[in-house]
C-alpha atoms as a PDB file:
ATOM      1  CA  UNK A   1     -22.174   3.870  -2.198  1.00  0.00           C
ATOM      2  CA  UNK A   2     -19.684   1.710  -0.441  1.00  0.00           C
ATOM      3  CA  UNK A   3     -19.034   2.738   3.194  1.00  0.00           C
ATOM      4  CA  UNK A   4     -15.427   3.710   3.537  1.00  0.00           C
ATOM      5  CA  UNK A   5     -13.275   1.648   5.915  1.00  0.00           C
ATOM      6  CA  UNK A   6     -12.307   3.062   9.225  1.00  0.00           C
ATOM      7  CA  UNK A   7      -8.583   2.506   9.769  1.00  0.00           C
ATOM      8  CA  UNK A   8      -8.122  -0.407  12.354  1.00  0.00           C
ATOM      9  CA  UNK A   9      -5.706  -0.031  15.304  1.00  0.00           C
ATOM     10  CA  UNK A  10      -2.845  -2.710  15.290  1.00  0.00           C
ATOM     11  CA  UNK A  11       0.300  -2.895  17.435  1.00  0.00           C
ATOM     12  CA  UNK A  12       3.297  -0.982  15.998  1.00  0.00           C
ATOM     13  CA  UNK A  13       5.571  -2.428  13.463  1.00  0.00           C
ATOM     14  CA  UNK A  14       8.485  -3.779  14.995  1.00  0.00           C
ATOM     15  CA  UNK A  15      12.229  -2.916  14.334  1.00  0.00           C
ATOM     16  CA  UNK A  16      13.571  -6.089  13.369  1.00  0.00           C
ATOM     17  CA  UNK A  17      17.392  -6.377  12.453  1.00  0.00           C
ATOM     18  CA  UNK A  18      18.012  -7.111   8.729  1.00  0.00           C
ATOM     19  CA  UNK A  19      21.478  -8.065   7.226  1.00  0.00           C
ATOM     20  CA  UNK A  20      21.930  -4.524   5.696  1.00  0.00           C
ATOM     21  CA  UNK A  21      20.921  -0.730   6.224  1.00  0.00           C
ATOM     22  CA  UNK A  22      17.301  -0.049   6.334  1.00  0.00           C
ATOM     23  CA  UNK A  23      16.023   2.622   4.014  1.00  0.00           C
ATOM     24  CA  UNK A  24      13.084   4.112   1.989  1.00  0.00           C
ATOM     25  CA  UNK A  25      12.906   5.209  -1.462  1.00  0.00           C
ATOM     26  CA  UNK A  26      10.292   7.688  -2.129  1.00  0.00           C
ATOM     27  CA  UNK A  27       8.984   7.969  -5.423  1.00  0.00           C
ATOM     28  CA  UNK A  28       8.094  11.177  -6.831  1.00  0.00           C
ATOM     29  CA  UNK A  29       6.031  12.191  -8.503  1.00  0.00           C
ATOM     30  CA  UNK A  30       3.477  10.670  -6.219  1.00  0.00           C
ATOM     31  CA  UNK A  31      -0.315  11.403  -5.157  1.00  0.00           C
ATOM     32  CA  UNK A  32      -2.747  14.038  -6.538  1.00  0.00           C
ATOM     33  CA  UNK A  33      -2.622  14.929 -10.156  1.00  0.00           C
ATOM     34  CA  UNK A  34      -4.115  18.063 -11.358  1.00  0.00           C
ATOM     35  CA  UNK A  35      -7.556  16.253 -12.592  1.00  0.00           C
ATOM     36  CA  UNK A  36      -7.698  14.646  -9.123  1.00  0.00           C
ATOM     37  CA  UNK A  37      -7.075  17.855  -7.361  1.00  0.00           C
ATOM     38  CA  UNK A  38      -9.497  19.905  -9.457  1.00  0.00           C
ATOM     39  CA  UNK A  39     -12.502  17.420  -8.547  1.00  0.00           C
ATOM     40  CA  UNK A  40     -11.961  17.242  -4.917  1.00  0.00           C
ATOM     41  CA  UNK A  41     -11.602  21.262  -4.782  1.00  0.00           C
ATOM     42  CA  UNK A  42     -14.893  21.564  -6.909  1.00  0.00           C
ATOM     43  CA  UNK A  43     -16.806  19.413  -4.281  1.00  0.00           C
ATOM     44  CA  UNK A  44     -15.209  21.626  -1.401  1.00  0.00           C
ATOM     45  CA  UNK A  45     -16.243  24.750  -3.319  1.00  0.00           C
ATOM     46  CA  UNK A  46     -19.730  23.561  -4.496  1.00  0.00           C
ATOM     47  CA  UNK A  47     -20.357  22.906  -0.523  1.00  0.00           C
ATOM     48  CA  UNK A  48     -18.958  26.293   0.738  1.00  0.00           C
ATOM     49  CA  UNK A  49     -21.088  28.178  -2.080  1.00  0.00           C
ATOM     50  CA  UNK A  50     -24.296  26.059  -1.997  1.00  0.00           C
ATOM     51  CA  UNK A  51     -24.089  24.602   1.492  1.00  0.00           C
ATOM     52  CA  UNK A  52     -24.765  21.034   2.223  1.00  0.00           C
ATOM     53  CA  UNK A  53     -25.953  18.616   0.986  1.00  0.00           C
ATOM     54  CA  UNK A  54     -24.071  18.600  -2.466  1.00  0.00           C
ATOM     55  CA  UNK A  55     -24.769  15.255  -4.259  1.00  0.00           C
ATOM     56  CA  UNK A  56     -21.977  13.586  -6.179  1.00  0.00           C
ATOM     57  CA  UNK A  57     -22.608  11.030  -8.952  1.00  0.00           C
ATOM     58  CA  UNK A  58     -20.189   7.957  -8.125  1.00  0.00           C
ATOM     59  CA  UNK A  59     -16.991   8.544  -6.103  1.00  0.00           C
ATOM     60  CA  UNK A  60     -15.516  12.123  -7.181  1.00  0.00           C
ATOM     61  CA  UNK A  61     -12.160  10.250  -7.385  1.00  0.00           C
ATOM     62  CA  UNK A  62     -11.393   6.648  -6.418  1.00  0.00           C
ATOM     63  CA  UNK A  63      -9.988   7.115  -2.896  1.00  0.00           C
ATOM     64  CA  UNK A  64     -12.080   6.066   0.193  1.00  0.00           C
ATOM     65  CA  UNK A  65     -10.298   8.389   2.612  1.00  0.00           C
ATOM     66  CA  UNK A  66     -11.167  11.292   0.375  1.00  0.00           C
ATOM     67  CA  UNK A  67     -14.807   9.869  -0.146  1.00  0.00           C
ATOM     68  CA  UNK A  68     -15.080   9.575   3.555  1.00  0.00           C
ATOM     69  CA  UNK A  69     -13.673  13.111   4.379  1.00  0.00           C
ATOM     70  CA  UNK A  70     -16.092  14.730   1.957  1.00  0.00           C
ATOM     71  CA  UNK A  71     -19.243  12.943   3.381  1.00  0.00           C
ATOM     72  CA  UNK A  72     -18.242  14.266   6.774  1.00  0.00           C
ATOM     73  CA  UNK A  73     -18.496  17.608   5.375  1.00  0.00           C
ATOM     74  CA  UNK A  74     -21.910  17.339   3.611  1.00  0.00           C
ATOM     75  CA  UNK A  75     -21.357  15.631   0.313  1.00  0.00           C
ATOM     76  CA  UNK A  76     -23.900  12.566  -0.491  1.00  0.00           C
ATOM     77  CA  UNK A  77     -22.346  10.058  -2.849  1.00  0.00           C
ATOM     78  CA  UNK A  78     -25.136   8.347  -5.173  1.00  0.00           C
ATOM     79  CA  UNK A  79     -24.929   5.868  -7.855  1.00  0.00           C
ATOM     80  CA  UNK A  80     -27.047   7.304 -10.497  1.00  0.00           C
ATOM     81  CA  UNK A  81     -28.712  11.070 -10.975  1.00  0.00           C
ATOM     82  CA  UNK A  82     -32.285   9.594 -10.261  1.00  0.00           C
ATOM     83  CA  UNK A  83     -31.339   9.582  -6.648  1.00  0.00           C
ATOM     84  CA  UNK A  84     -30.716  12.986  -6.397  1.00  0.00           C
ATOM     85  CA  UNK A  85     -33.772  15.399  -5.340  1.00  0.00           C
ATOM     86  CA  UNK A  86     -34.966  17.301  -8.324  1.00  0.00           C
ATOM     87  CA  UNK A  87     -33.366  20.636  -8.571  1.00  0.00           C
ATOM     88  CA  UNK A  88     -30.495  19.817  -6.283  1.00  0.00           C
ATOM     89  CA  UNK A  89     -26.964  20.473  -6.969  1.00  0.00           C
ATOM     90  CA  UNK A  90     -24.865  17.369  -8.339  1.00  0.00           C
ATOM     91  CA  UNK A  91     -21.333  17.128  -9.286  1.00  0.00           C
ATOM     92  CA  UNK A  92     -20.187  14.568 -11.893  1.00  0.00           C
ATOM     93  CA  UNK A  93     -16.862  12.733 -11.031  1.00  0.00           C
ATOM     94  CA  UNK A  94     -13.483  13.165 -12.096  1.00  0.00           C
ATOM     95  CA  UNK A  95     -13.766   9.971 -14.478  1.00  0.00           C
ATOM     96  CA  UNK A  96     -16.435  11.760 -16.620  1.00  0.00           C
ATOM     97  CA  UNK A  97     -20.032  10.735 -17.653  1.00  0.00           C
ATOM     98  CA  UNK A  98     -21.903   9.832 -20.867  1.00  0.00           C
ATOM     99  CA  UNK A  99     -24.238  12.299 -22.702  1.00  0.00           C
ATOM    100  CA  UNK A 100     -27.051   9.996 -21.394  1.00  0.00           C
ATOM    101  CA  UNK A 101     -26.301  10.791 -17.806  1.00  0.00           C
ATOM    102  CA  UNK A 102     -25.966  14.560 -18.496  1.00  0.00           C
ATOM    103  CA  UNK A 103     -29.146  14.333 -20.288  1.00  0.00           C
ATOM    104  CA  UNK A 104     -30.700  12.415 -17.246  1.00  0.00           C
ATOM    105  CA  UNK A 105     -29.464  15.177 -14.966  1.00  0.00           C
ATOM    106  CA  UNK A 106     -31.192  18.064 -16.969  1.00  0.00           C
ATOM    107  CA  UNK A 107     -34.438  16.123 -17.045  1.00  0.00           C
ATOM    108  CA  UNK A 108     -34.565  15.941 -13.318  1.00  0.00           C
ATOM    109  CA  UNK A 109     -33.713  19.959 -13.348  1.00  0.00           C
ATOM    110  CA  UNK A 110     -30.528  19.226 -11.485  1.00  0.00           C
ATOM    111  CA  UNK A 111     -27.719  21.981 -11.089  1.00  0.00           C
ATOM    112  CA  UNK A 112     -25.082  19.870 -12.913  1.00  0.00           C
ATOM    113  CA  UNK A 113     -21.257  20.858 -12.056  1.00  0.00           C
ATOM    114  CA  UNK A 114     -18.912  18.705 -14.376  1.00  0.00           C
ATOM    115  CA  UNK A 115     -15.756  17.916 -12.446  1.00  0.00           C
ATOM    116  CA  UNK A 116     -14.559  15.717 -15.134  1.00  0.00           C
ATOM    117  CA  UNK A 117     -10.830  15.608 -15.554  1.00  0.00           C
ATOM    118  CA  UNK A 118      -9.880  17.879 -19.020  1.00  0.00           C
ATOM    119  CA  UNK A 119      -7.943  15.030 -20.156  1.00  0.00           C
ATOM    120  CA  UNK A 120     -10.868  12.502 -20.172  1.00  0.00           C
ATOM    121  CA  UNK A 121     -12.620  15.017 -21.754  1.00  0.00           C
ATOM    122  CA  UNK A 122     -10.010  15.202 -24.416  1.00  0.00           C
ATOM    123  CA  UNK A 123     -10.543  11.615 -25.153  1.00  0.00           C
ATOM    124  CA  UNK A 124     -14.349  11.917 -25.382  1.00  0.00           C
ATOM    125  CA  UNK A 125     -14.084  14.617 -27.581  1.00  0.00           C
ATOM    126  CA  UNK A 126     -11.612  12.339 -29.745  1.00  0.00           C
ATOM    127  CA  UNK A 127     -14.618   9.555 -29.621  1.00  0.00           C
ATOM    128  CA  UNK A 128     -17.079  11.872 -30.785  1.00  0.00           C
ATOM    129  CA  UNK A 129     -14.885  13.128 -33.870  1.00  0.00           C
ATOM    130  CA  UNK A 130     -13.913   9.801 -35.039  1.00  0.00           C
ATOM    131  CA  UNK A 131     -17.540   8.521 -34.660  1.00  0.00           C
ATOM    132  CA  UNK A 132     -18.562  11.392 -36.900  1.00  0.00           C
ATOM    133  CA  UNK A 133     -16.419  10.221 -39.695  1.00  0.00           C
ATOM    134  CA  UNK A 134     -17.310   6.704 -39.215  1.00  0.00           C
ATOM    135  CA  UNK A 135     -14.371   5.445 -37.849  1.00  0.00           C
ATOM    136  CA  UNK A 136     -14.522   2.168 -35.568  1.00  0.00           C
ATOM    137  CA  UNK A 137     -12.994   2.873 -32.391  1.00  0.00           C
ATOM    138  CA  UNK A 138     -11.309   0.178 -30.323  1.00  0.00           C
ATOM    139  CA  UNK A 139     -11.014   1.619 -26.887  1.00  0.00           C
ATOM    140  CA  UNK A 140      -8.426  -0.096 -24.605  1.00  0.00           C
ATOM    141  CA  UNK A 141      -9.667  -0.029 -20.929  1.00  0.00           C
ATOM    142  CA  UNK A 142     -11.430  -2.051 -18.441  1.00  0.00           C
ATOM    143  CA  UNK A 143     -15.170  -2.777 -19.028  1.00  0.00           C
ATOM    144  CA  UNK A 144     -17.266  -1.435 -16.066  1.00  0.00           C
ATOM    145  CA  UNK A 145     -14.659   1.287 -15.180  1.00  0.00           C
ATOM    146  CA  UNK A 146     -16.628   4.997 -14.971  1.00  0.00           C
ATOM    147  CA  UNK A 147     -14.069   6.513 -17.388  1.00  0.00           C
ATOM    148  CA  UNK A 148     -14.656   3.865 -19.977  1.00  0.00           C
ATOM    149  CA  UNK A 149     -18.522   3.850 -19.683  1.00  0.00           C
ATOM    150  CA  UNK A 150     -18.541   7.346 -20.036  1.00  0.00           C
ATOM    151  CA  UNK A 151     -16.257   7.582 -23.067  1.00  0.00           C
ATOM    152  CA  UNK A 152     -17.986   4.497 -24.732  1.00  0.00           C
ATOM    153  CA  UNK A 153     -21.369   6.408 -24.179  1.00  0.00           C
ATOM    154  CA  UNK A 154     -20.280   9.353 -26.448  1.00  0.00           C
ATOM    155  CA  UNK A 155     -20.515   6.908 -29.489  1.00  0.00           C
ATOM    156  CA  UNK A 156     -21.907   3.460 -28.436  1.00  0.00           C
ATOM    157  CA  UNK A 157     -22.358   2.202 -32.069  1.00  0.00           C
ATOM    158  CA  UNK A 158     -18.825   3.112 -32.768  1.00  0.00           C
ATOM    159  CA  UNK A 159     -17.003   1.818 -29.893  1.00  0.00           C
ATOM    160  CA  UNK A 160     -15.689  -1.737 -28.862  1.00  0.00           C
ATOM    161  CA  UNK A 161     -13.581  -2.339 -25.493  1.00  0.00           C
ATOM    162  CA  UNK A 162     -10.550  -4.005 -25.443  1.00  0.00           C
ATOM    163  CA  UNK A 163      -9.678  -5.081 -22.099  1.00  0.00           C
ATOM    164  CA  UNK A 164      -6.312  -6.573 -22.452  1.00  0.00           C
ATOM    165  CA  UNK A 165      -3.683  -7.923 -24.860  1.00  0.00           C
ATOM    166  CA  UNK A 166      -5.152 -10.927 -25.019  1.00  0.00           C
ATOM    167  CA  UNK A 167      -8.683  -9.365 -26.032  1.00  0.00           C
ATOM    168  CA  UNK A 168      -6.813  -7.750 -29.075  1.00  0.00           C
ATOM    169  CA  UNK A 169      -6.211 -11.273 -30.212  1.00  0.00           C
ATOM    170  CA  UNK A 170      -9.914 -11.672 -30.613  1.00  0.00           C
ATOM    171  CA  UNK A 171     -11.888  -8.715 -31.198  1.00  0.00           C
ATOM    172  CA  UNK A 172     -13.599  -8.251 -34.727  1.00  0.00           C
ATOM    173  CA  UNK A 173     -13.822  -5.201 -36.785  1.00  0.00           C
ATOM    174  CA  UNK A 174     -16.124  -4.350 -39.711  1.00  0.00           C
ATOM    175  CA  UNK A 175     -13.584  -2.617 -41.764  1.00  0.00           C
ATOM    176  CA  UNK A 176      -9.981  -3.166 -41.056  1.00  0.00           C
ATOM    177  CA  UNK A 177      -8.922  -0.039 -43.046  1.00  0.00           C
ATOM    178  CA  UNK A 178     -10.872   2.429 -40.985  1.00  0.00           C
ATOM    179  CA  UNK A 179     -10.177   1.495 -37.310  1.00  0.00           C
ATOM    180  CA  UNK A 180      -8.501   3.654 -34.494  1.00  0.00           C
ATOM    181  CA  UNK A 181      -7.649   3.081 -30.925  1.00  0.00           C
ATOM    182  CA  UNK A 182      -8.202   5.227 -27.861  1.00  0.00           C
ATOM    183  CA  UNK A 183      -7.495   4.527 -24.156  1.00  0.00           C
ATOM    184  CA  UNK A 184      -8.686   4.842 -20.824  1.00  0.00           C
ATOM    185  CA  UNK A 185      -6.334   7.521 -19.234  1.00  0.00           C
ATOM    186  CA  UNK A 186      -5.055   5.386 -16.085  1.00  0.00           C
ATOM    187  CA  UNK A 187      -3.793   2.569 -17.710  1.00  0.00           C
ATOM    188  CA  UNK A 188      -0.319   0.817 -17.597  1.00  0.00           C
ATOM    189  CA  UNK A 189       1.726   2.751 -20.531  1.00  0.00           C
ATOM    190  CA  UNK A 190       3.678  -0.898 -21.088  1.00  0.00           C
ATOM    191  CA  UNK A 191       0.425  -3.240 -21.403  1.00  0.00           C
ATOM    192  CA  UNK A 192      -1.681  -0.616 -23.444  1.00  0.00           C
ATOM    193  CA  UNK A 193       1.508  -0.362 -25.847  1.00  0.00           C
ATOM    194  CA  UNK A 194       1.632  -4.341 -25.941  1.00  0.00           C
ATOM    195  CA  UNK A 195      -2.064  -4.126 -26.814  1.00  0.00           C
ATOM    196  CA  UNK A 196      -1.977  -1.663 -29.675  1.00  0.00           C
ATOM    197  CA  UNK A 197       1.216  -3.817 -31.073  1.00  0.00           C
ATOM    198  CA  UNK A 198      -1.098  -7.022 -31.113  1.00  0.00           C
ATOM    199  CA  UNK A 199      -3.755  -5.101 -32.703  1.00  0.00           C
ATOM    200  CA  UNK A 200      -1.751  -3.425 -35.253  1.00  0.00           C
ATOM    201  CA  UNK A 201      -0.503  -7.169 -36.050  1.00  0.00           C
ATOM    202  CA  UNK A 202      -4.134  -7.934 -36.858  1.00  0.00           C
ATOM    203  CA  UNK A 203      -5.110  -4.540 -38.274  1.00  0.00           C
ATOM    204  CA  UNK A 204      -1.931  -2.810 -40.009  1.00  0.00           C
ATOM    205  CA  UNK A 205      -3.888   0.194 -40.900  1.00  0.00           C
ATOM    206  CA  UNK A 206      -4.996   0.797 -37.357  1.00  0.00           C
ATOM    207  CA  UNK A 207      -4.705   4.790 -36.822  1.00  0.00           C
ATOM    208  CA  UNK A 208      -3.261   6.244 -33.638  1.00  0.00           C
ATOM    209  CA  UNK A 209      -4.813   8.839 -31.480  1.00  0.00           C
ATOM    210  CA  UNK A 210      -3.695  12.474 -32.327  1.00  0.00           C
ATOM    211  CA  UNK A 211      -2.284  12.675 -28.961  1.00  0.00           C
ATOM    212  CA  UNK A 212      -1.194  10.149 -26.095  1.00  0.00           C
ATOM    213  CA  UNK A 213      -4.461   9.446 -24.010  1.00  0.00           C
ATOM    214  CA  UNK A 214      -2.765   7.783 -21.247  1.00  0.00           C
ATOM    215  CA  UNK A 215      -2.536  10.974 -18.659  1.00  0.00           C
ATOM    216  CA  UNK A 216       0.788  12.474 -18.024  1.00  0.00           C
ATOM    217  CA  UNK A 217       0.179  11.836 -14.025  1.00  0.00           C
ATOM    218  CA  UNK A 218      -0.386   7.973 -14.775  1.00  0.00           C
ATOM    219  CA  UNK A 219       2.840   7.975 -16.866  1.00  0.00           C
ATOM    220  CA  UNK A 220       5.172  10.091 -14.493  1.00  0.00           C
ATOM    221  CA  UNK A 221       4.140   7.514 -11.297  1.00  0.00           C
ATOM    222  CA  UNK A 222       4.726   4.657 -13.588  1.00  0.00           C
ATOM    223  CA  UNK A 223       8.217   5.955 -14.414  1.00  0.00           C
ATOM    224  CA  UNK A 224       8.859   6.679 -11.010  1.00  0.00           C
ATOM    225  CA  UNK A 225       7.996   3.431  -9.511  1.00  0.00           C
ATOM    226  CA  UNK A 226      10.022   1.777 -12.209  1.00  0.00           C
ATOM    227  CA  UNK A 227      13.265   3.426 -11.095  1.00  0.00           C
ATOM    228  CA  UNK A 228      12.511   2.637  -7.370  1.00  0.00           C
ATOM    229  CA  UNK A 229      11.387  -0.920  -8.107  1.00  0.00           C
ATOM    230  CA  UNK A 230      14.972  -2.293  -9.484  1.00  0.00           C
ATOM    231  CA  UNK A 231      16.461  -1.511  -6.081  1.00  0.00           C
ATOM    232  CA  UNK A 232      13.425  -2.178  -3.618  1.00  0.00           C
ATOM    233  CA  UNK A 233      12.802  -5.378  -1.726  1.00  0.00           C
ATOM    234  CA  UNK A 234       9.404  -4.289  -1.082  1.00  0.00           C
ATOM    235  CA  UNK A 235       7.080  -1.619  -2.705  1.00  0.00           C
ATOM    236  CA  UNK A 236       3.985  -0.168  -0.866  1.00  0.00           C
ATOM    237  CA  UNK A 237       1.481   1.526  -3.130  1.00  0.00           C
ATOM    238  CA  UNK A 238      -0.999   3.784  -1.024  1.00  0.00           C
ATOM    239  CA  UNK A 239      -4.236   3.838  -2.849  1.00  0.00           C
ATOM    240  CA  UNK A 240      -7.584   2.197  -3.097  1.00  0.00           C
ATOM    241  CA  UNK A 241      -8.792  -1.124  -4.684  1.00  0.00           C
ATOM    242  CA  UNK A 242     -10.862   0.826  -7.326  1.00  0.00           C
ATOM    243  CA  UNK A 243      -8.131   3.189  -8.478  1.00  0.00           C
ATOM    244  CA  UNK A 244      -7.004   1.560 -11.729  1.00  0.00           C
ATOM    245  CA  UNK A 245      -3.612   3.505 -11.641  1.00  0.00           C
ATOM    246  CA  UNK A 246      -2.953   2.618  -7.968  1.00  0.00           C
ATOM    247  CA  UNK A 247      -3.527  -1.046  -8.908  1.00  0.00           C
ATOM    248  CA  UNK A 248      -1.313  -0.617 -11.890  1.00  0.00           C
ATOM    249  CA  UNK A 249       1.559   0.942  -9.941  1.00  0.00           C
ATOM    250  CA  UNK A 250       1.822  -2.371  -8.074  1.00  0.00           C
ATOM    251  CA  UNK A 251       1.919  -4.455 -11.269  1.00  0.00           C
ATOM    252  CA  UNK A 252       4.548  -2.235 -12.649  1.00  0.00           C
ATOM    253  CA  UNK A 253       6.731  -2.396  -9.378  1.00  0.00           C
ATOM    254  CA  UNK A 254       6.631  -6.235  -9.643  1.00  0.00           C
ATOM    255  CA  UNK A 255       7.212  -6.153 -13.335  1.00  0.00           C
ATOM    256  CA  UNK A 256      10.494  -3.782 -13.104  1.00  0.00           C
ATOM    257  CA  UNK A 257      12.122  -5.742 -10.236  1.00  0.00           C
ATOM    258  CA  UNK A 258      10.441  -5.365  -6.863  1.00  0.00           C
ATOM    259  CA  UNK A 259      10.753  -8.579  -4.830  1.00  0.00           C
ATOM    260  CA  UNK A 260       7.288  -7.887  -3.280  1.00  0.00           C
ATOM    261  CA  UNK A 261       4.692  -5.042  -4.013  1.00  0.00           C
ATOM    262  CA  UNK A 262       1.480  -4.618  -1.982  1.00  0.00           C
ATOM    263  CA  UNK A 263      -1.405  -1.756  -2.067  1.00  0.00           C
ATOM    264  CA  UNK A 264      -2.645  -0.184   1.142  1.00  0.00           C
ATOM    265  CA  UNK A 265      -5.463   2.310   1.884  1.00  0.00           C
ATOM    266  CA  UNK A 266      -4.125   3.093   5.218  1.00  0.00           C
ATOM    267  CA  UNK A 267      -0.801   2.603   7.170  1.00  0.00           C
ATOM    268  CA  UNK A 268      -2.276   0.288   9.565  1.00  0.00           C
ATOM    269  CA  UNK A 269      -2.649  -2.358   6.459  1.00  0.00           C
ATOM    270  CA  UNK A 270       1.006  -2.749   6.392  1.00  0.00           C
ATOM    271  CA  UNK A 271       1.955  -6.359   7.698  1.00  0.00           C
ATOM    272  CA  UNK A 272       4.930  -6.965  10.001  1.00  0.00           C
ATOM    273  CA  UNK A 273       5.667 -10.253   7.769  1.00  0.00           C
ATOM    274  CA  UNK A 274       6.018  -7.971   4.811  1.00  0.00           C
ATOM    275  CA  UNK A 275       9.351  -6.432   6.332  1.00  0.00           C
ATOM    276  CA  UNK A 276      11.147  -9.793   7.068  1.00  0.00           C
ATOM    277  CA  UNK A 277      14.426  -9.385   5.798  1.00  0.00           C
ATOM    278  CA  UNK A 278      13.622  -6.251   3.854  1.00  0.00           C
ATOM    279  CA  UNK A 279      16.306  -3.732   3.755  1.00  0.00           C
ATOM    280  CA  UNK A 280      14.924  -1.388   1.158  1.00  0.00           C
ATOM    281  CA  UNK A 281      11.121  -0.113   1.023  1.00  0.00           C
ATOM    282  CA  UNK A 282       9.772   1.893  -1.849  1.00  0.00           C
ATOM    283  CA  UNK A 283       6.805   3.987  -1.235  1.00  0.00           C
ATOM    284  CA  UNK A 284       4.762   5.582  -3.559  1.00  0.00           C
ATOM    285  CA  UNK A 285       0.900   6.493  -4.168  1.00  0.00           C
ATOM    286  CA  UNK A 286      -1.894   6.745  -6.755  1.00  0.00           C
ATOM    287  CA  UNK A 287      -3.090   9.926  -8.433  1.00  0.00           C
ATOM    288  CA  UNK A 288      -5.964  10.329  -6.122  1.00  0.00           C
ATOM    289  CA  UNK A 289      -4.320   9.686  -2.843  1.00  0.00           C
ATOM    290  CA  UNK A 290      -3.686  12.727  -0.245  1.00  0.00           C
ATOM    291  CA  UNK A 291      -0.222  13.062   0.885  1.00  0.00           C
ATOM    292  CA  UNK A 292      -1.202  12.578   4.409  1.00  0.00           C
ATOM    293  CA  UNK A 293      -1.652   8.838   3.876  1.00  0.00           C
ATOM    294  CA  UNK A 294       1.620   8.472   2.485  1.00  0.00           C
ATOM    295  CA  UNK A 295       3.261  10.330   5.480  1.00  0.00           C
ATOM    296  CA  UNK A 296       1.308   7.966   7.970  1.00  0.00           C
ATOM    297  CA  UNK A 297       3.032   5.010   6.263  1.00  0.00           C
ATOM    298  CA  UNK A 298       6.590   6.570   6.519  1.00  0.00           C
ATOM    299  CA  UNK A 299       5.770   7.288  10.161  1.00  0.00           C
ATOM    300  CA  UNK A 300       5.062   3.778  10.614  1.00  0.00           C
ATOM    301  CA  UNK A 301       8.078   2.473   8.773  1.00  0.00           C
ATOM    302  CA  UNK A 302      10.271   4.860  10.780  1.00  0.00           C
ATOM    303  CA  UNK A 303       9.031   3.087  13.891  1.00  0.00           C
ATOM    304  CA  UNK A 304       9.952  -0.028  12.321  1.00  0.00           C
ATOM    305  CA  UNK A 305      13.629   1.333  11.566  1.00  0.00           C
ATOM    306  CA  UNK A 306      13.148   2.705   8.205  1.00  0.00           C
ATOM    307  CA  UNK A 307      14.246   6.241   9.148  1.00  0.00           C
ATOM    308  CA  UNK A 308      16.586   6.965   6.174  1.00  0.00           C
ATOM    309  CA  UNK A 309      14.364   8.193   3.081  1.00  0.00           C
ATOM    310  CA  UNK A 310      15.876   8.926  -0.210  1.00  0.00           C
ATOM    311  CA  UNK A 311      13.462  10.691  -2.819  1.00  0.00           C
ATOM    312  CA  UNK A 312      13.818   9.261  -6.244  1.00  0.00           C
ATOM    313  CA  UNK A 313      12.285  12.259  -8.447  1.00  0.00           C
ATOM    314  CA  UNK A 314      11.870  11.721 -12.299  1.00  0.00           C
ATOM    315  CA  UNK A 315       9.630  14.439 -13.078  1.00  0.00           C
ATOM    316  CA  UNK A 316       8.480  17.927 -12.072  1.00  0.00           C
ATOM    317  CA  UNK A 317       4.725  18.571 -12.104  1.00  0.00           C
ATOM    318  CA  UNK A 318       2.950  21.867 -12.187  1.00  0.00           C
ATOM    319  CA  UNK A 319       0.217  21.936 -14.192  1.00  0.00           C
ATOM    320  CA  UNK A 320      -3.367  23.173 -12.908  1.00  0.00           C
ATOM    321  CA  UNK A 321      -6.827  23.149 -14.348  1.00  0.00           C
ATOM    322  CA  UNK A 322      -9.319  25.832 -13.846  1.00  0.00           C
ATOM    323  CA  UNK A 323     -12.307  24.938 -11.791  1.00  0.00           C
ATOM    324  CA  UNK A 324     -15.643  24.204 -13.421  1.00  0.00           C
ATOM    325  CA  UNK A 325     -17.066  27.412 -14.430  1.00  0.00           C
ATOM    326  CA  UNK A 326     -19.960  27.539 -11.850  1.00  0.00           C
ATOM    327  CA  UNK A 327     -17.435  27.613  -9.130  1.00  0.00           C
ATOM    328  CA  UNK A 328     -14.697  30.342 -10.508  1.00  0.00           C
ATOM    329  CA  UNK A 329     -16.761  33.069  -8.597  1.00  0.00           C
ATOM    330  CA  UNK A 330     -17.665  33.216  -5.044  1.00  0.00           C
ATOM    331  CA  UNK A 331     -21.198  34.158  -3.781  1.00  0.00           C
ATOM    332  CA  UNK A 332     -20.633  37.813  -4.251  1.00  0.00           C
ATOM    333  CA  UNK A 333     -19.663  37.463  -7.947  1.00  0.00           C
ATOM    334  CA  UNK A 334     -15.892  38.010  -7.481  1.00  0.00           C
ATOM    335  CA  UNK A 335     -13.258  35.704  -8.922  1.00  0.00           C
ATOM    336  CA  UNK A 336     -12.304  33.142  -6.356  1.00  0.00           C
ATOM    337  CA  UNK A 337      -9.138  32.474  -5.003  1.00  0.00           C
ATOM    338  CA  UNK A 338      -8.900  29.015  -6.014  1.00  0.00           C
ATOM    339  CA  UNK A 339     -10.594  29.514  -9.366  1.00  0.00           C
ATOM    340  CA  UNK A 340      -7.359  27.846 -10.732  1.00  0.00           C
ATOM    341  CA  UNK A 341      -7.478  24.748  -8.702  1.00  0.00           C
ATOM    342  CA  UNK A 342      -4.137  23.464  -7.114  1.00  0.00           C
ATOM    343  CA  UNK A 343      -2.454  22.784  -3.897  1.00  0.00           C
ATOM    344  CA  UNK A 344       1.135  21.457  -3.210  1.00  0.00           C
ATOM    345  CA  UNK A 345       1.779  17.902  -4.997  1.00  0.00           C
ATOM    346  CA  UNK A 346       4.709  15.786  -4.620  1.00  0.00           C
END
């Protein structure tokens, strides 16, 4: 697995005068969603319950800070289950896995804990159901993303990945009267709907999934940053480069009026020149980002004169998911206090 970057030290941001009043528009909701929270707590509880090491296939969530902290506690991240010693505990990441991975883990006698986000599991089940009725499934998502690989693995003979609206103009299907679309949960809502529009122009009988596949948290964070972006000279998105929903937030911010937008893993990546002439900074974070990283950005911005913080809230989130069944009880067999995963989210 890639080694997480250690935050570098840099000179504090300077407080340079701008024509108007400096302020921060802080998007809410932001940060951890219920599925990410559940997955991280699952690794933490597995380490408490079984002791180190606990193995994790892929990054549990796409955030290098989270991965680094869990490594320090004894988690070992691997690319595939054949790297895990036979009989060891292995956690499947929030992005989900294909049946082939589940089978490979079983063949090695691994004690598997499935931390797949329940909203991703829903898409897997939709894929299985449509494949059973011999539908051709157009899976809107990014080829190579772990979530797409897991979903496609549920019905490889029935699924074609559509990477972009442009792909929708060229994708071929066997029977245009028996086609359904599904999507990766972390996409841009607008881009996904544009892809669906183009697909439906070519395949008028294209069927919709039974419910929206793009997760509530992805949508909520995009709605919030849309509202922030129209009034922001600069938007800073805290999130890792392999976090699809974080990358989308940068794109959405630019599309909806931000004059500039950047993604950072850590506060020390914010560059002084980004703030040249900037009165209003919008700040948000992807769904796998702990709030401490956002606070560090806000602290640095405060040092540069951006002390006036206005929260822009567009939704309330109170959803929590139960932990994987293996972790709902403690070692003594009593129900664990955190059987329903969850901690404060913004």
